[in-house]
Amino acid sequence: MDLNVLFGVGAGIAVVTGIGAGIGIGIATSGLVQAIARQPEATGKFTPMFFVGVALAESTAIYGLVIAILLISKLS
C-alpha cells in the first residue's frame, strides 16, 4: 500500500474530530440552557464553566485540523 494513501486516510480521520467537538459543544450548550432555566440567578456561576468546557471541546477540533494539515502537507 502506498504511503500517500495512508496519509490521506489519516487526514480524513483527523478531520472527523470536528464531529465530536460539535456534539460536545451542543451537549454543553444544552446543559447551560437547562441550568439557567432552573436557576436564573446563578447564571454568573454557570457561564465561565461553560466557556471553559467549550474551549476544551473546540481545542480537540483544532488539534485534528492541525494534524490533517500536517498529513496533507506530506502528500506528494
Protein backbone atom coordinates (compact mmCIF):
# COMPACT_ATOMS: atom_id res chain seq x y z
CA MET A 1 0.00 0.00 0.00
CA ASP A 2 1.27 3.43 -0.91
CA LEU A 3 2.26 5.72 1.96
CA ASN A 4 0.34 8.63 0.40
CA VAL A 5 -2.88 6.64 0.72
CA LEU A 6 -2.24 6.20 4.44
CA PHE A 7 -1.54 9.93 4.83
CA GLY A 8 -4.84 10.71 3.08
CA VAL A 9 -6.81 8.28 5.24
CA GLY A 10 -5.15 9.63 8.38
CA ALA A 11 -6.02 13.20 7.39
CA GLY A 12 -9.64 12.19 6.83
CA ILE A 13 -9.83 10.51 10.22
CA ALA A 14 -8.24 13.54 11.88
CA VAL A 15 -10.88 15.85 10.41
CA VAL A 16 -13.64 13.68 11.90
CA THR A 17 -12.68 15.08 15.33
CA GLY A 18 -14.77 18.11 14.36
CA ILE A 19 -17.91 15.97 14.70
CA GLY A 20 -17.05 15.11 18.29
CA ALA A 21 -16.37 18.75 19.09
CA GLY A 22 -19.73 19.77 17.63
CA ILE A 23 -21.55 17.15 19.66
CA GLY A 24 -19.69 18.18 22.81
CA ILE A 25 -20.46 21.85 22.36
CA GLY A 26 -24.11 21.05 21.69
CA ILE A 27 -24.37 18.99 24.87
CA ALA A 28 -22.64 21.74 26.88
CA THR A 29 -24.98 24.39 25.48
CA SER A 30 -27.99 22.24 26.26
CA GLY A 31 -26.79 21.78 29.84
CA LEU A 32 -26.21 25.51 30.25
CA VAL A 33 -29.66 26.42 28.99
CA GLN A 34 -31.29 23.85 31.29
CA ALA A 35 -29.28 25.07 34.28
CA ILE A 36 -30.18 28.71 33.60
CA ALA A 37 -33.84 27.77 33.16
CA ARG A 38 -33.84 26.09 36.56
CA GLN A 39 -31.81 28.73 38.43
CA PRO A 40 -31.70 32.04 36.54
CA GLU A 41 -29.96 33.81 39.45
CA ALA A 42 -26.92 31.52 39.12
CA THR A 43 -26.16 32.49 35.51
CA GLY A 44 -22.92 34.19 36.55
CA LYS A 45 -21.63 30.94 38.04
CA PHE A 46 -22.55 28.74 35.07
CA THR A 47 -21.24 30.87 32.22
CA PRO A 48 -17.48 30.76 32.98
CA MET A 49 -17.56 26.98 33.36
CA PHE A 50 -19.45 26.74 30.09
CA PHE A 51 -16.81 28.72 28.22
CA VAL A 52 -14.01 26.57 29.65
CA GLY A 53 -15.82 23.43 28.51
CA VAL A 54 -16.47 24.84 25.05
CA ALA A 55 -12.84 25.89 24.72
CA LEU A 56 -11.66 22.39 25.62
CA ALA A 57 -14.07 20.79 23.16
CA GLU A 58 -13.08 23.20 20.40
CA SER A 59 -9.38 22.62 21.01
CA THR A 60 -9.82 18.95 20.06
CA ALA A 61 -11.23 20.02 16.70
CA ILE A 62 -8.35 22.45 16.19
CA TYR A 63 -5.81 19.74 17.01
CA GLY A 64 -7.50 17.43 14.50
CA LEU A 65 -7.36 20.16 11.85
CA VAL A 66 -3.67 20.78 12.50
CA ILE A 67 -2.90 17.06 12.25
CA ALA A 68 -4.87 16.85 9.00
CA ILE A 69 -2.99 19.81 7.54
CA LEU A 70 0.35 18.28 8.54
CA LEU A 71 -0.60 14.95 6.96
CA ILE A 72 -1.84 16.60 3.77
CA SER A 73 1.40 18.54 3.51
CA LYS A 74 3.24 15.18 3.46
CA LEU A 75 1.36 14.11 0.31
CA SER A 76 3.47 14.40 -2.78
